[in-house]
Amino acid sequence: MPIVRLSYTVDADALANEARIADEEDRERFSELAREAEARPGAAVYESRSVKAIDGDNVVIDGVTIDGVTFTARPLSKLFKQETTVYPYVATCGSEMAAYGKKLSDPLEQYWWDLLMRNAVGAARKALFEEIERVAGYKPTSANPGSIESWPISNQPALFSLIGDVEKLIGVTIAPSFLMVPLKSVSGILFQSEGGFTHNCCLCERQDCPGRSAPFDAALKAELDSNM
């Protein structure tokens, strides 16, 4: 299971502007925290797996056991193609970065560090996508448990099992709530999309979501939700 590590550089001025930090003393302190973040880069890990079978809403992906891993999610059964290669993954800001943040007592600095952790996991995810594009020869699309309505976050353990010992590899664990620890981590399956699906946001009707990356596509959602 390949681990993607990155040389992490923070654009402290750009992030300070995003956080609306105007005071020069505050900006200097934010820059100091950015250097601390650079010393604790995140990482990503992935595995190459094959779609063994698609039966109704069930998608079976080749895993460490002879039966593979089955996900029951109608959109996945329509987005994935049998016998194609997919790439389950986890990307994170890193346990070292999360641990450093717990040492900060100032609420403002905690907020700044949270921004830096989000930036770090974004950088790790970007590096992963670039790696898969190089390996697979196409620009991948990601489907994420918990972000697709019929693919709940409770599928996290099954997804992790497709990769291996994620905690040992990059320090990410799953809480009883199925959220990942560190919290600034993302998981999913990368694949080659041949239709209109470009992002989980395509299927989400929450129009006011601040994290929206693509417009809601009602026609695509109806197509992927249908029994046809």
Protein backbone atom coordinates (compact mmCIF):
# COMPACT_ATOMS: atom_id res chain seq x y z
CA MET A 1 0.00 0.00 0.00
CA PRO A 2 1.77 3.14 -1.23
CA ILE A 3 2.11 6.07 1.16
CA VAL A 4 2.06 9.55 -0.35
CA ARG A 5 4.14 12.01 1.67
CA LEU A 6 4.60 15.60 0.64
CA SER A 7 6.94 18.51 0.97
CA TYR A 8 4.46 20.84 2.66
CA THR A 9 4.70 24.60 2.19
CA VAL A 10 2.13 26.98 3.66
CA ASP A 11 1.24 30.26 1.97
CA ALA A 12 0.92 32.01 5.32
CA ASP A 13 -0.05 35.39 3.86
CA ALA A 14 -2.89 33.92 1.79
CA LEU A 15 -4.26 31.91 4.72
CA ALA A 16 -3.93 34.90 7.05
CA ASN A 17 -5.99 36.93 4.58
CA GLU A 18 -8.55 34.11 4.43
CA ALA A 19 -8.77 34.18 8.23
CA ARG A 20 -9.04 37.99 8.11
CA ILE A 21 -6.01 38.48 10.32
CA ALA A 22 -5.21 42.18 10.04
CA ASP A 23 -3.09 42.92 13.10
CA GLU A 24 0.62 42.70 12.25
CA GLU A 25 1.51 41.03 15.54
CA ASP A 26 -1.20 38.43 14.96
CA ARG A 27 0.00 37.83 11.40
CA GLU A 28 3.53 37.28 12.71
CA ARG A 29 2.27 34.71 15.21
CA PHE A 30 0.21 33.02 12.48
CA SER A 31 3.34 32.78 10.33
CA GLU A 32 5.14 31.12 13.24
CA LEU A 33 2.34 28.57 13.49
CA ALA A 34 2.50 28.02 9.73
CA ARG A 35 6.19 27.10 10.06
CA GLU A 36 5.26 24.64 12.82
CA ALA A 37 2.67 23.14 10.49
CA GLU A 38 5.23 22.76 7.71
CA ALA A 39 7.39 20.71 10.08
CA ARG A 40 4.46 18.30 10.61
CA PRO A 41 3.16 17.51 7.10
CA GLY A 42 0.19 15.24 6.53
CA ALA A 43 0.15 12.13 4.38
CA ALA A 44 -2.10 9.83 2.40
CA VAL A 45 -2.21 6.09 1.80
CA TYR A 46 -4.03 4.13 -0.87
CA GLU A 47 -4.36 0.67 -2.34
CA SER A 48 -5.15 -0.61 -5.81
CA ARG A 49 -8.24 -2.86 -5.81
CA SER A 50 -10.46 -4.49 -8.42
CA VAL A 51 -14.26 -4.38 -8.59
CA LYS A 52 -15.08 -8.10 -8.44
CA ALA A 53 -18.84 -7.98 -8.90
CA ILE A 54 -21.85 -5.67 -9.06
CA ASP A 55 -25.15 -7.25 -8.03
CA GLY A 56 -28.08 -4.89 -7.70
CA ASP A 57 -27.05 -2.26 -5.16
CA ASN A 58 -24.10 -4.35 -3.97
CA VAL A 59 -20.55 -3.63 -5.07
CA VAL A 60 -17.93 -6.25 -4.21
CA ILE A 61 -14.32 -5.03 -4.18
CA ASP A 62 -11.41 -7.43 -4.03
CA GLY A 63 -9.89 -7.35 -0.55
CA VAL A 64 -7.68 -9.28 1.82
CA THR A 65 -10.33 -12.00 2.28
CA ILE A 66 -11.47 -14.39 -0.42
CA ASP A 67 -14.98 -12.88 -0.44
CA GLY A 68 -13.72 -9.33 -0.77
CA VAL A 69 -15.56 -6.35 0.73
CA THR A 70 -19.19 -5.58 -0.12
CA PHE A 71 -20.62 -2.06 -0.09
CA THR A 72 -24.37 -1.60 -0.50
CA ALA A 73 -24.94 1.76 -2.16
CA ARG A 74 -26.94 2.27 -5.32
CA PRO A 75 -24.88 5.19 -6.67
CA LEU A 76 -21.67 3.17 -6.33
CA SER A 77 -23.22 0.25 -8.20
CA LYS A 78 -23.86 2.59 -11.11
CA LEU A 79 -20.67 4.65 -10.93
CA PHE A 80 -18.28 1.68 -10.69
CA LYS A 81 -17.69 -0.82 -13.48
CA GLN A 82 -17.02 -4.50 -12.92
CA GLU A 83 -13.39 -5.62 -13.30
CA THR A 84 -12.09 -2.05 -13.25
CA THR A 85 -9.44 -0.82 -10.83
CA VAL A 86 -10.39 1.55 -8.01
CA TYR A 87 -8.25 3.17 -5.34
CA PRO A 88 -9.51 3.25 -1.73
CA TYR A 89 -7.62 5.90 0.23
CA VAL A 90 -7.22 7.89 3.43
CA ALA A 91 -5.58 11.32 3.58
CA THR A 92 -4.86 13.21 6.79
CA CYS A 93 -3.32 16.30 8.35
CA GLY A 94 -1.33 13.84 10.45
CA SER A 95 -1.33 12.78 14.09
CA GLU A 96 1.68 15.01 14.88
CA MET A 97 -0.13 18.08 13.64
CA ALA A 98 -3.28 17.15 15.56
CA ALA A 99 -1.25 16.57 18.74
CA TYR A 100 0.48 19.95 18.45
CA GLY A 101 -2.89 21.67 18.20
CA LYS A 102 -4.00 20.19 21.52
CA LYS A 103 -1.12 22.01 23.22
CA LEU A 104 -2.43 25.43 22.17
CA SER A 105 -4.47 27.12 24.91
CA ASP A 106 -5.37 30.38 23.19
CA PRO A 107 -8.79 30.03 21.46
CA LEU A 108 -7.69 32.26 18.59
CA GLU A 109 -4.56 30.21 17.99
CA GLN A 110 -6.66 27.04 18.15
CA TYR A 111 -8.85 28.48 15.39
CA TRP A 112 -5.79 29.36 13.31
CA TRP A 113 -4.35 25.89 13.81
CA ASP A 114 -7.64 24.33 12.71
CA LEU A 115 -7.34 26.34 9.51
CA LEU A 116 -3.78 25.07 9.05
CA MET A 117 -4.90 21.46 9.62
CA ARG A 118 -7.61 21.84 6.97
CA ASN A 119 -5.00 23.23 4.62
CA ALA A 120 -2.70 20.30 5.41
CA VAL A 121 -5.26 17.59 4.69
CA GLY A 122 -6.17 19.45 1.50
CA ALA A 123 -2.52 19.38 0.44
CA ALA A 124 -2.26 15.66 1.23
CA ARG A 125 -5.42 14.95 -0.75
CA LYS A 126 -4.15 16.98 -3.71
CA ALA A 127 -0.84 15.09 -3.68
CA LEU A 128 -2.76 11.80 -3.61
CA PHE A 129 -4.92 12.77 -6.59
CA GLU A 130 -1.82 13.73 -8.54
CA GLU A 131 -0.21 10.39 -7.67
CA ILE A 132 -3.26 8.41 -8.85
CA GLU A 133 -3.45 10.48 -12.03
CA ARG A 134 0.17 9.54 -12.72
CA VAL A 135 -0.32 5.86 -11.85
CA ALA A 136 -3.71 5.30 -13.48
CA GLY A 137 -3.35 7.64 -16.45
CA TYR A 138 -6.58 9.56 -15.84
CA LYS A 139 -7.87 12.32 -13.57
CA PRO A 140 -9.65 10.48 -10.75
CA THR A 141 -13.00 11.22 -9.14
CA SER A 142 -13.68 10.48 -5.48
CA ALA A 143 -16.71 8.93 -3.78
CA ASN A 144 -16.71 9.28 0.02
CA PRO A 145 -18.69 7.38 2.69
CA GLY A 146 -20.97 9.73 4.56
CA SER A 147 -21.02 12.21 1.69
CA ILE A 148 -23.23 10.02 -0.51
CA GLU A 149 -26.66 9.54 1.07
CA SER A 150 -26.93 5.79 0.55
CA TRP A 151 -23.29 5.10 1.45
CA PRO A 152 -23.20 5.81 5.19
CA ILE A 153 -20.16 6.68 7.27
CA SER A 154 -20.55 3.33 9.05
CA ASN A 155 -18.78 1.86 6.00
CA GLN A 156 -15.49 3.37 7.19
CA PRO A 157 -14.12 0.16 8.77
CA ALA A 158 -14.79 -1.80 5.58
CA LEU A 159 -13.08 0.87 3.50
CA PHE A 160 -10.06 0.90 5.83
CA SER A 161 -9.83 -2.89 5.52
CA LEU A 162 -9.22 -2.50 1.78
CA ILE A 163 -6.07 -0.53 2.56
CA GLY A 164 -4.57 -2.32 5.55
CA ASP A 165 -3.39 -1.04 8.94
CA VAL A 166 -4.10 2.64 8.34
CA GLU A 167 -3.21 3.54 11.92
CA LYS A 168 0.25 2.03 11.55
CA LEU A 169 0.73 3.49 8.08
CA ILE A 170 -0.34 7.12 8.63
CA GLY A 171 -1.74 7.31 12.17
CA VAL A 172 -5.48 7.47 11.39
CA THR A 173 -8.02 5.54 13.48
CA ILE A 174 -11.82 5.25 13.50
CA ALA A 175 -13.82 6.41 16.54
CA PRO A 176 -16.97 4.58 17.74
CA SER A 177 -18.96 7.29 15.91
CA PHE A 178 -17.12 6.22 12.69
CA LEU A 179 -15.49 9.64 12.47
CA MET A 180 -11.76 9.53 11.80
CA VAL A 181 -9.06 10.58 14.25
CA PRO A 182 -7.41 12.99 13.53
CA LEU A 183 -10.67 14.68 12.60
CA LYS A 184 -9.00 16.52 9.72
CA SER A 185 -8.82 13.37 7.61
CA VAL A 186 -10.72 12.23 4.54
CA SER A 187 -11.40 8.79 3.12
CA GLY A 188 -12.95 7.49 -0.06
CA ILE A 189 -12.50 5.54 -3.25
CA LEU A 190 -10.94 7.07 -6.35
CA PHE A 191 -12.18 5.86 -9.72
CA GLN A 192 -12.58 6.88 -13.34
CA SER A 193 -15.92 8.59 -13.87
CA GLU A 194 -17.50 8.24 -17.28
CA GLY A 195 -20.67 10.21 -16.58
CA GLY A 196 -21.70 13.52 -15.06
CA PHE A 197 -20.52 12.64 -11.54
CA THR A 198 -17.57 14.87 -10.68
CA HIS A 199 -17.98 15.28 -6.92
CA ASN A 200 -20.18 14.10 -4.04
CA CYS A 201 -21.68 17.60 -4.05
CA CYS A 202 -23.43 16.71 -7.32
CA LEU A 203 -25.79 14.53 -5.26
CA CYS A 204 -26.23 16.83 -2.24
CA GLU A 205 -29.31 19.07 -2.02
CA ARG A 206 -27.89 21.28 0.75
CA GLN A 207 -27.44 24.40 -1.33
CA ASP A 208 -26.09 26.60 1.49
CA CYS A 209 -23.20 24.26 2.38
CA PRO A 210 -19.99 26.32 2.76
CA GLY A 211 -17.90 23.39 1.54
CA ARG A 212 -19.78 22.95 -1.74
CA SER A 213 -17.42 22.15 -4.63
CA ALA A 214 -19.91 21.40 -7.40
CA PRO A 215 -23.55 22.34 -8.09
CA PHE A 216 -26.36 19.95 -7.19
CA ASP A 217 -27.40 17.90 -10.23
CA ALA A 218 -31.02 16.80 -9.73
CA ALA A 219 -31.11 14.79 -12.96
CA LEU A 220 -27.93 12.90 -12.08
CA LYS A 221 -29.18 12.14 -8.57
CA ALA A 222 -32.46 10.80 -9.97
CA GLU A 223 -30.55 8.65 -12.45
CA LEU A 224 -28.22 7.19 -9.82
CA ASP A 225 -31.07 6.63 -7.35
CA SER A 226 -33.34 4.89 -9.87
CA ASN A 227 -33.93 1.13 -10.04
CA MET A 228 -33.16 1.05 -13.75
